[in-house]
Amino acid sequence: MATMNISVPDLMKNWVQSQVSTGVYANTSDYVRDLIRQDQIKNDKTPPLQAAITKGLDSGISEKSFDEIIEVARKSLKSHAL
């Protein structure tokens, strides 16, 4: 495993130490690794979400009412849940 040294302001150091003291994290390295994992997960999810937003915006204005759109979405969710 590689080693990294970082410098943080006292307020951040105190925050990390308080998180470790809760017992959720074994040590400061464990806390930082968890933050990095969370950032990786977030970054993995961002491009598909942005693509879906762009696709929706590019599709134009629907002729369907809001209620019709919601009904189609609900049916789609039900069929995917099975």
Protein backbone atom coordinates (compact mmCIF):
# COMPACT_ATOMS: atom_id res chain seq x y z
CA MET A 1 0.00 0.00 0.00
CA ALA A 2 1.31 3.45 -0.89
CA THR A 3 1.79 6.23 1.64
CA MET A 4 0.66 9.85 1.19
CA ASN A 5 1.36 12.78 3.46
CA ILE A 6 -1.11 15.65 3.43
CA SER A 7 -1.32 18.96 5.26
CA VAL A 8 -4.65 20.23 6.55
CA PRO A 9 -5.68 23.15 8.75
CA ASP A 10 -6.18 22.42 12.44
CA LEU A 11 -9.97 22.62 12.07
CA MET A 12 -9.94 19.85 9.47
CA LYS A 13 -7.54 17.74 11.54
CA ASN A 14 -9.83 18.10 14.54
CA TRP A 15 -12.83 17.13 12.40
CA VAL A 16 -11.13 13.98 11.13
CA GLN A 17 -10.04 13.02 14.63
CA SER A 18 -13.60 13.52 15.89
CA GLN A 19 -14.88 11.21 13.16
CA VAL A 20 -12.32 8.57 14.11
CA SER A 21 -13.25 8.92 17.79
CA THR A 22 -16.84 7.85 16.99
CA GLY A 23 -15.49 4.37 16.34
CA VAL A 24 -16.80 4.20 12.78
CA TYR A 25 -13.25 4.54 11.44
CA ALA A 26 -10.19 2.71 12.73
CA ASN A 27 -7.88 5.66 12.09
CA THR A 28 -7.43 8.80 10.00
CA SER A 29 -6.25 6.80 6.98
CA ASP A 30 -9.44 4.74 7.10
CA TYR A 31 -11.50 7.95 7.13
CA VAL A 32 -9.61 9.46 4.18
CA ARG A 33 -9.90 6.20 2.19
CA ASP A 34 -13.66 6.25 2.79
CA LEU A 35 -13.88 9.84 1.53
CA ILE A 36 -11.95 8.88 -1.61
CA ARG A 37 -14.23 5.85 -2.21
CA GLN A 38 -17.31 8.06 -1.86
CA ASP A 39 -15.85 10.55 -4.34
CA GLN A 40 -15.07 7.75 -6.80
CA ILE A 41 -18.65 6.45 -6.56
CA LYS A 42 -20.05 9.95 -7.08
CA ASN A 43 -17.81 10.52 -10.09
CA ASP A 44 -18.82 7.16 -11.59
CA LYS A 45 -22.49 8.15 -11.36
CA THR A 46 -22.17 11.68 -12.73
CA PRO A 47 -21.59 11.02 -16.47
CA PRO A 48 -24.64 8.71 -16.92
CA LEU A 49 -26.82 11.15 -14.97
CA GLN A 50 -25.60 14.08 -17.07
CA ALA A 51 -26.21 12.06 -20.25
CA ALA A 52 -29.80 11.33 -19.13
CA ILE A 53 -30.40 15.01 -18.38
CA THR A 54 -29.00 16.04 -21.74
CA LYS A 55 -31.12 13.41 -23.53
CA GLY A 56 -34.22 14.71 -21.76
CA LEU A 57 -33.48 18.32 -22.61
CA ASP A 58 -32.70 17.43 -26.23
CA SER A 59 -35.93 15.45 -26.61
CA GLY A 60 -38.03 18.62 -26.60
CA ILE A 61 -41.39 19.31 -25.05
CA SER A 62 -43.73 16.38 -24.60
CA GLU A 63 -47.29 16.34 -25.84
CA LYS A 64 -48.23 14.27 -22.78
CA SER A 65 -49.64 15.76 -19.60
CA PHE A 66 -47.70 15.61 -16.35
CA ASP A 67 -50.05 12.89 -15.07
CA GLU A 68 -49.49 10.81 -18.22
CA ILE A 69 -45.72 11.12 -17.87
CA ILE A 70 -45.87 10.05 -14.22
CA GLU A 71 -48.08 7.08 -15.09
CA VAL A 72 -45.63 5.89 -17.77
CA ALA A 73 -42.76 6.25 -15.29
CA ARG A 74 -44.62 4.25 -12.65
CA LYS A 75 -45.40 1.47 -15.10
CA SER A 76 -41.77 1.41 -16.19
CA LEU A 77 -40.60 1.13 -12.58
CA LYS A 78 -43.04 -1.70 -11.89
CA SER A 79 -41.91 -3.66 -14.95
CA HIS A 80 -38.24 -3.23 -13.99
CA ALA A 81 -38.90 -4.30 -10.39
CA LEU A 82 -40.16 -7.72 -11.45
